[in-house]
Amino acid sequence: MAKLTTRARKALPKKDFAGPGRSYPIPDKKHARLAKAMASKEVDAGRLSRGEERKIDARANRKLGKSGSARKAK
C-alpha cells in the first residue's frame, strides 16, 4: 500500500474519507479495507458506535464497488 503522506491526506477531497472529521481516509481500495478493519476494532474497544461503524463500512463498500445492505451480525 502506498503511504499516505500528510500533504496527500490534506489534498484529498471530503468524499475520500469514511469517518467524521476527515477520519478514515479511503483514497483507494486498500485504504477502504483498512478503514473497515480499523472501525471494527474501534467498536470492540468501545471508542466507536455501531452506527458510526456502519457508516464507515458503507462508504468503504462504495469505494470497493460492493453494493447491498449486508449487515454484520454481532
Protein backbone atom coordinates (compact mmCIF):
# COMPACT_ATOMS: atom_id res chain seq x y z
CA MET A 1 0.00 0.00 0.00
CA ALA A 2 1.29 3.40 -0.89
CA LYS A 3 2.00 5.54 2.11
CA LEU A 4 -0.45 8.40 2.56
CA THR A 5 1.65 11.45 3.38
CA THR A 6 0.35 14.41 5.35
CA ARG A 7 0.37 16.56 2.23
CA ALA A 8 -1.50 13.94 0.20
CA ARG A 9 -4.05 13.41 3.01
CA LYS A 10 -4.75 17.14 3.25
CA ALA A 11 -5.25 17.27 -0.53
CA LEU A 12 -7.92 14.54 -0.51
CA PRO A 13 -11.50 15.70 -1.13
CA LYS A 14 -14.14 15.18 1.57
CA LYS A 15 -15.64 12.25 -0.38
CA ASP A 16 -12.41 10.28 0.18
CA PHE A 17 -12.98 9.99 3.93
CA ALA A 18 -15.27 7.43 5.54
CA GLY A 19 -15.44 8.77 9.08
CA PRO A 20 -16.42 12.01 10.76
CA GLY A 21 -13.97 14.89 10.84
CA ARG A 22 -11.90 13.67 7.90
CA SER A 23 -11.10 10.40 9.67
CA TYR A 24 -10.59 7.06 7.96
CA PRO A 25 -9.17 8.17 4.60
CA ILE A 26 -10.17 5.88 1.72
CA PRO A 27 -8.36 7.15 -1.39
CA ASP A 28 -8.03 3.60 -2.73
CA LYS A 29 -9.32 0.06 -2.17
CA LYS A 30 -6.53 -0.91 0.21
CA HIS A 31 -7.28 2.03 2.47
CA ALA A 32 -11.01 1.21 2.28
CA ARG A 33 -10.37 -2.34 3.51
CA LEU A 34 -8.15 -0.97 6.27
CA ALA A 35 -10.85 1.54 7.30
CA LYS A 36 -13.36 -1.28 7.70
CA ALA A 37 -10.95 -3.33 9.81
CA MET A 38 -9.96 -0.39 12.00
CA ALA A 39 -13.58 0.66 12.55
CA SER A 40 -14.41 -2.85 13.73
CA LYS A 41 -11.51 -2.77 16.21
CA GLU A 42 -12.59 0.67 17.47
CA VAL A 43 -16.13 -0.62 18.12
CA ASP A 44 -14.73 -3.61 20.02
CA ALA A 45 -12.63 -1.22 22.12
CA GLY A 46 -15.66 0.98 22.81
CA ARG A 47 -14.32 4.06 21.02
CA LEU A 48 -16.79 3.97 18.12
CA SER A 49 -20.52 3.27 17.98
CA ARG A 50 -22.05 0.57 15.80
CA GLY A 51 -23.87 3.28 13.84
CA GLU A 52 -20.61 5.06 13.05
CA GLU A 53 -19.08 1.73 12.04
CA ARG A 54 -21.99 1.06 9.65
CA LYS A 55 -21.49 4.47 8.04
CA ILE A 56 -17.74 3.84 7.62
CA ASP A 57 -18.41 0.37 6.20
CA ALA A 58 -20.99 1.76 3.75
CA ARG A 59 -18.63 4.43 2.40
CA ALA A 60 -15.75 1.92 2.21
CA ASN A 61 -18.02 -0.57 0.42
CA ARG A 62 -18.86 2.05 -2.20
CA LYS A 63 -15.13 2.57 -2.78
CA LEU A 64 -14.69 -1.21 -3.02
CA GLY A 65 -17.53 -1.48 -5.53
CA LYS A 66 -19.72 -3.53 -3.20
CA SER A 67 -23.43 -2.91 -3.05
CA GLY A 68 -26.31 -4.11 -0.95
CA SER A 69 -27.02 -3.82 2.71
CA ALA A 70 -25.28 -6.87 4.07
CA ARG A 71 -25.06 -6.35 7.79
CA LYS A 72 -22.64 -7.97 10.10
CA ALA A 73 -24.20 -9.88 13.00
CA LYS A 74 -22.54 -9.40 16.35
